[in-house]
Amino acid sequence: MLTIVLKNFVLLFQLWRNSYHVFRSVSQITTKPETRISDILRREFPKATEIVVNDISGGCGAMFEIHLKAEEFNGLNTVKQHMKVNDVLKNEIKDMHGIRIYTQPVVPSK
């Protein structure tokens, strides 16, 4: 009886492990909305050193997380940085369920 339980446990663990890797691979694929949002941000923040857009809705395109480091944020507080991003993405945001924005100014290199 114990060997049957152990065999079933091992099988379930292997299935879980394999499905986790498949899910992780699929979730890392860039969606079209992610690409569109990244392109808009690159155009509007040409001095950005980092632009990362992730669909965190599971692939339906309803919720995004954005990480943006740009010189354009120098001298602005966080609220004003986020207001700039919201203004740039206002047409995209109206179709979203939610958005997480993380911004950071970048000191220009000399």
N, C-alpha and C. Protein backbone atom coordinates (compact mmCIF):
# COMPACT_ATOMS: atom_id res chain seq x y z
N MET A 1 0.82 -1.19 0.00
CA MET A 1 0.00 0.00 0.00
C MET A 1 0.86 1.25 0.00
N LEU A 2 1.90 1.28 0.84
CA LEU A 2 2.78 2.44 0.92
C LEU A 2 3.50 2.67 -0.40
N THR A 3 3.90 1.60 -1.08
CA THR A 3 4.59 1.78 -2.37
C THR A 3 3.66 2.39 -3.41
N ILE A 4 2.38 2.07 -3.38
CA ILE A 4 1.42 2.66 -4.33
C ILE A 4 1.28 4.16 -4.05
N VAL A 5 1.17 4.51 -2.78
CA VAL A 5 1.06 5.92 -2.40
C VAL A 5 2.31 6.68 -2.83
N LEU A 6 3.48 6.10 -2.59
CA LEU A 6 4.73 6.75 -2.97
C LEU A 6 4.84 6.90 -4.49
N LYS A 7 4.44 5.88 -5.24
CA LYS A 7 4.48 5.96 -6.69
C LYS A 7 3.54 7.07 -7.19
N ASN A 8 2.35 7.13 -6.60
CA ASN A 8 1.40 8.18 -7.00
C ASN A 8 1.95 9.57 -6.65
N PHE A 9 2.57 9.68 -5.49
CA PHE A 9 3.16 10.95 -5.10
C PHE A 9 4.24 11.37 -6.08
N VAL A 10 5.10 10.45 -6.46
CA VAL A 10 6.18 10.75 -7.40
C VAL A 10 5.60 11.18 -8.74
N LEU A 11 4.57 10.48 -9.21
CA LEU A 11 3.93 10.84 -10.48
C LEU A 11 3.32 12.24 -10.41
N LEU A 12 2.62 12.53 -9.32
CA LEU A 12 2.02 13.85 -9.17
C LEU A 12 3.08 14.95 -9.10
N PHE A 13 4.16 14.68 -8.40
CA PHE A 13 5.23 15.65 -8.32
C PHE A 13 5.84 15.92 -9.69
N GLN A 14 6.07 14.86 -10.46
CA GLN A 14 6.64 15.03 -11.80
C GLN A 14 5.69 15.83 -12.70
N LEU A 15 4.39 15.54 -12.61
CA LEU A 15 3.41 16.31 -13.39
C LEU A 15 3.42 17.78 -12.98
N TRP A 16 3.44 18.03 -11.69
CA TRP A 16 3.46 19.41 -11.20
C TRP A 16 4.71 20.13 -11.69
N ARG A 17 5.86 19.49 -11.55
CA ARG A 17 7.12 20.10 -11.95
C ARG A 17 7.13 20.42 -13.45
N ASN A 18 6.66 19.49 -14.26
CA ASN A 18 6.63 19.71 -15.71
C ASN A 18 5.63 20.80 -16.08
N SER A 19 4.47 20.82 -15.45
CA SER A 19 3.48 21.84 -15.77
C SER A 19 3.97 23.22 -15.33
N TYR A 20 4.69 23.29 -14.22
CA TYR A 20 5.23 24.57 -13.76
C TYR A 20 6.18 25.15 -14.80
N HIS A 21 7.07 24.32 -15.35
CA HIS A 21 8.02 24.80 -16.34
C HIS A 21 7.32 25.23 -17.62
N VAL A 22 6.29 24.51 -18.02
CA VAL A 22 5.52 24.89 -19.21
C VAL A 22 4.83 26.22 -18.97
N PHE A 23 4.16 26.37 -17.82
CA PHE A 23 3.47 27.63 -17.50
C PHE A 23 4.46 28.78 -17.47
N ARG A 24 5.61 28.58 -16.86
CA ARG A 24 6.60 29.64 -16.76
C ARG A 24 7.09 30.05 -18.14
N SER A 25 7.30 29.08 -19.03
CA SER A 25 7.74 29.39 -20.39
C SER A 25 6.68 30.18 -21.15
N VAL A 26 5.43 29.76 -21.02
CA VAL A 26 4.35 30.43 -21.73
C VAL A 26 4.15 31.84 -21.19
N SER A 27 4.27 32.03 -19.89
CA SER A 27 4.03 33.35 -19.30
C SER A 27 5.13 34.34 -19.66
N GLN A 28 6.28 33.87 -20.14
CA GLN A 28 7.36 34.76 -20.49
C GLN A 28 7.29 35.21 -21.95
N ILE A 29 6.35 34.70 -22.71
CA ILE A 29 6.19 35.09 -24.10
C ILE A 29 5.59 36.49 -24.15
N THR A 30 6.14 37.35 -24.97
CA THR A 30 5.64 38.72 -25.08
C THR A 30 4.36 38.73 -25.91
N THR A 31 3.34 39.38 -25.38
CA THR A 31 2.08 39.50 -26.09
C THR A 31 2.09 40.74 -26.96
N LYS A 32 1.16 40.83 -27.89
CA LYS A 32 1.07 41.99 -28.75
C LYS A 32 0.82 43.28 -27.97
N PRO A 33 -0.08 43.27 -26.98
CA PRO A 33 -0.25 44.51 -26.21
C PRO A 33 1.03 44.94 -25.49
N GLU A 34 1.81 43.98 -25.00
CA GLU A 34 3.07 44.31 -24.35
C GLU A 34 4.01 45.01 -25.33
N THR A 35 4.08 44.49 -26.53
CA THR A 35 4.94 45.08 -27.56
C THR A 35 4.47 46.47 -27.92
N ARG A 36 3.15 46.64 -28.09
CA ARG A 36 2.59 47.96 -28.42
C ARG A 36 2.90 48.97 -27.32
N ILE A 37 2.70 48.59 -26.07
CA ILE A 37 2.97 49.48 -24.94
C ILE A 37 4.45 49.81 -24.87
N SER A 38 5.31 48.82 -25.05
CA SER A 38 6.76 49.06 -25.03
C SER A 38 7.17 50.03 -26.14
N ASP A 39 6.60 49.86 -27.33
CA ASP A 39 6.92 50.75 -28.45
C ASP A 39 6.52 52.19 -28.15
N ILE A 40 5.33 52.37 -27.57
CA ILE A 40 4.87 53.71 -27.21
C ILE A 40 5.81 54.34 -26.18
N LEU A 41 6.18 53.57 -25.17
CA LEU A 41 7.07 54.09 -24.13
C LEU A 41 8.44 54.43 -24.69
N ARG A 42 8.97 53.60 -25.60
CA ARG A 42 10.27 53.88 -26.21
C ARG A 42 10.22 55.18 -27.03
N ARG A 43 9.10 55.39 -27.73
CA ARG A 43 8.95 56.59 -28.53
C ARG A 43 8.84 57.85 -27.65
N GLU A 44 8.10 57.75 -26.56
CA GLU A 44 7.85 58.91 -25.70
C GLU A 44 8.95 59.17 -24.67
N PHE A 45 9.73 58.14 -24.36
CA PHE A 45 10.84 58.28 -23.41
C PHE A 45 12.12 57.78 -24.08
N PRO A 46 12.63 58.55 -25.06
CA PRO A 46 13.79 58.07 -25.83
C PRO A 46 15.07 57.91 -25.02
N LYS A 47 15.15 58.56 -23.86
CA LYS A 47 16.35 58.45 -23.02
C LYS A 47 16.22 57.34 -21.98
N ALA A 48 15.18 56.54 -22.08
CA ALA A 48 14.97 55.47 -21.10
C ALA A 48 16.08 54.43 -21.20
N THR A 49 16.55 54.00 -20.04
CA THR A 49 17.58 52.96 -20.00
C THR A 49 16.96 51.60 -19.73
N GLU A 50 15.73 51.58 -19.26
CA GLU A 50 15.04 50.31 -19.00
C GLU A 50 13.55 50.48 -19.22
N ILE A 51 12.99 49.63 -20.07
CA ILE A 51 11.55 49.58 -20.28
C ILE A 51 11.16 48.11 -20.26
N VAL A 52 10.39 47.73 -19.25
CA VAL A 52 9.92 46.35 -19.14
C VAL A 52 8.41 46.39 -18.97
N VAL A 53 7.71 45.69 -19.86
CA VAL A 53 6.25 45.61 -19.79
C VAL A 53 5.87 44.14 -19.70
N ASN A 54 5.14 43.78 -18.66
CA ASN A 54 4.70 42.39 -18.46
C ASN A 54 3.19 42.34 -18.34
N ASP A 55 2.60 41.40 -19.07
CA ASP A 55 1.17 41.13 -18.93
C ASP A 55 1.02 40.24 -17.71
N ILE A 56 0.42 40.77 -16.65
CA ILE A 56 0.28 40.01 -15.41
C ILE A 56 -1.15 39.52 -15.22
N SER A 57 -1.91 39.53 -16.32
CA SER A 57 -3.30 39.09 -16.26
C SER A 57 -3.45 37.63 -16.64
N GLY A 58 -2.34 36.97 -16.94
CA GLY A 58 -2.43 35.59 -17.38
C GLY A 58 -2.55 35.48 -18.89
N GLY A 59 -2.34 36.57 -19.60
CA GLY A 59 -2.32 36.54 -21.05
C GLY A 59 -3.51 37.20 -21.73
N CYS A 60 -4.48 37.65 -20.98
CA CYS A 60 -5.67 38.25 -21.62
C CYS A 60 -5.47 39.73 -21.94
N GLY A 61 -4.40 40.34 -21.46
CA GLY A 61 -4.11 41.72 -21.79
C GLY A 61 -4.90 42.74 -20.99
N ALA A 62 -5.38 42.35 -19.81
CA ALA A 62 -6.20 43.26 -19.02
C ALA A 62 -5.43 43.94 -17.89
N MET A 63 -4.23 43.44 -17.56
CA MET A 63 -3.46 44.02 -16.44
C MET A 63 -1.98 43.94 -16.79
N PHE A 64 -1.30 45.06 -16.59
CA PHE A 64 0.12 45.13 -16.94
C PHE A 64 0.94 45.69 -15.80
N GLU A 65 2.20 45.30 -15.80
CA GLU A 65 3.19 45.84 -14.88
C GLU A 65 4.28 46.47 -15.72
N ILE A 66 4.60 47.73 -15.42
CA ILE A 66 5.58 48.47 -16.21
C ILE A 66 6.71 48.94 -15.29
N HIS A 67 7.93 48.68 -15.73
CA HIS A 67 9.13 49.18 -15.05
C HIS A 67 9.83 50.09 -16.04
N LEU A 68 10.07 51.33 -15.61
CA LEU A 68 10.61 52.33 -16.52
C LEU A 68 11.65 53.19 -15.81
N LYS A 69 12.87 53.19 -16.34
CA LYS A 69 13.94 54.06 -15.84
C LYS A 69 14.28 55.03 -16.96
N ALA A 70 14.16 56.33 -16.67
CA ALA A 70 14.39 57.31 -17.73
C ALA A 70 14.91 58.62 -17.18
N GLU A 71 15.76 59.27 -17.97
CA GLU A 71 16.26 60.60 -17.62
C GLU A 71 15.12 61.61 -17.58
N GLU A 72 14.07 61.36 -18.34
CA GLU A 72 12.94 62.29 -18.38
C GLU A 72 12.26 62.44 -17.01
N PHE A 73 12.55 61.54 -16.09
CA PHE A 73 11.97 61.61 -14.75
C PHE A 73 12.84 62.39 -13.76
N ASN A 74 14.02 62.78 -14.18
CA ASN A 74 14.92 63.52 -13.28
C ASN A 74 14.24 64.78 -12.77
N GLY A 75 14.29 64.99 -11.46
CA GLY A 75 13.72 66.17 -10.84
C GLY A 75 12.23 66.08 -10.57
N LEU A 76 11.59 64.96 -10.95
CA LEU A 76 10.16 64.79 -10.73
C LEU A 76 9.93 63.82 -9.57
N ASN A 77 8.91 64.09 -8.75
CA ASN A 77 8.56 63.12 -7.71
C ASN A 77 7.82 61.94 -8.34
N THR A 78 7.61 60.92 -7.57
CA THR A 78 7.00 59.69 -8.08
C THR A 78 5.62 59.93 -8.68
N VAL A 79 4.81 60.75 -8.05
CA VAL A 79 3.46 61.01 -8.57
C VAL A 79 3.54 61.64 -9.95
N LYS A 80 4.42 62.62 -10.13
CA LYS A 80 4.55 63.26 -11.44
C LYS A 80 5.13 62.31 -12.49
N GLN A 81 6.02 61.42 -12.08
CA GLN A 81 6.56 60.42 -13.00
C GLN A 81 5.42 59.52 -13.50
N HIS A 82 4.59 59.07 -12.57
CA HIS A 82 3.48 58.19 -12.92
C HIS A 82 2.44 58.92 -13.77
N MET A 83 2.24 60.20 -13.48
CA MET A 83 1.30 60.99 -14.29
C MET A 83 1.79 61.08 -15.74
N LYS A 84 3.10 61.21 -15.94
CA LYS A 84 3.64 61.25 -17.30
C LYS A 84 3.37 59.93 -18.02
N VAL A 85 3.59 58.81 -17.33
CA VAL A 85 3.35 57.50 -17.94
C VAL A 85 1.85 57.33 -18.24
N ASN A 86 1.01 57.71 -17.28
CA ASN A 86 -0.44 57.61 -17.49
C ASN A 86 -0.89 58.44 -18.68
N ASP A 87 -0.34 59.64 -18.83
CA ASP A 87 -0.70 60.50 -19.95
C ASP A 87 -0.29 59.89 -21.28
N VAL A 88 0.91 59.33 -21.32
CA VAL A 88 1.41 58.71 -22.55
C VAL A 88 0.57 57.49 -22.94
N LEU A 89 0.10 56.74 -21.93
CA LEU A 89 -0.64 55.50 -22.20
C LEU A 89 -2.16 55.64 -22.01
N LYS A 90 -2.68 56.87 -22.02
CA LYS A 90 -4.10 57.07 -21.71
C LYS A 90 -5.03 56.28 -22.62
N ASN A 91 -4.71 56.14 -23.90
CA ASN A 91 -5.58 55.38 -24.81
C ASN A 91 -5.54 53.89 -24.51
N GLU A 92 -4.38 53.38 -24.09
CA GLU A 92 -4.25 51.96 -23.77
C GLU A 92 -4.87 51.65 -22.41
N ILE A 93 -4.72 52.57 -21.46
CA ILE A 93 -5.19 52.34 -20.09
C ILE A 93 -6.71 52.20 -20.04
N LYS A 94 -7.43 52.91 -20.89
CA LYS A 94 -8.89 52.84 -20.82
C LYS A 94 -9.44 51.45 -21.15
N ASP A 95 -8.63 50.60 -21.80
CA ASP A 95 -9.05 49.23 -22.11
C ASP A 95 -8.52 48.21 -21.12
N MET A 96 -7.78 48.67 -20.10
CA MET A 96 -7.17 47.76 -19.13
C MET A 96 -8.02 47.63 -17.88
N HIS A 97 -7.82 46.52 -17.20
CA HIS A 97 -8.42 46.31 -15.88
C HIS A 97 -7.57 47.03 -14.82
N GLY A 98 -6.26 47.01 -15.02
CA GLY A 98 -5.37 47.64 -14.06
C GLY A 98 -3.96 47.76 -14.60
N ILE A 99 -3.18 48.58 -13.93
CA ILE A 99 -1.79 48.80 -14.34
C ILE A 99 -0.95 49.08 -13.09
N ARG A 100 0.23 48.49 -13.04
CA ARG A 100 1.20 48.78 -11.98
C ARG A 100 2.37 49.50 -12.64
N ILE A 101 2.72 50.63 -12.09
CA ILE A 101 3.80 51.42 -12.68
C ILE A 101 4.91 51.60 -11.66
N TYR A 102 6.12 51.26 -12.09
CA TYR A 102 7.32 51.46 -11.27
C TYR A 102 8.27 52.33 -12.09
N THR A 103 8.57 53.52 -11.61
CA THR A 103 9.44 54.43 -12.34
C THR A 103 10.65 54.79 -11.49
N GLN A 104 11.68 55.22 -12.21
CA GLN A 104 12.91 55.62 -11.53
C GLN A 104 13.68 56.59 -12.43
N PRO A 105 14.11 57.72 -11.88
CA PRO A 105 14.94 58.63 -12.68
C PRO A 105 16.32 58.04 -12.87
N VAL A 106 17.00 58.47 -13.92
CA VAL A 106 18.35 57.99 -14.21
C VAL A 106 19.25 59.21 -14.30
N VAL A 107 20.32 59.19 -13.55
CA VAL A 107 21.29 60.28 -13.62
C VAL A 107 22.08 60.11 -14.92
N PRO A 108 22.13 61.16 -15.75
CA PRO A 108 22.86 61.02 -17.02
C PRO A 108 24.35 60.77 -16.78
N SER A 109 24.90 59.91 -17.60
CA SER A 109 26.34 59.62 -17.47
C SER A 109 27.14 60.75 -18.08
N LYS A 110 28.28 61.02 -17.49
CA LYS A 110 29.11 62.14 -17.96
C LYS A 110 30.21 61.67 -18.86
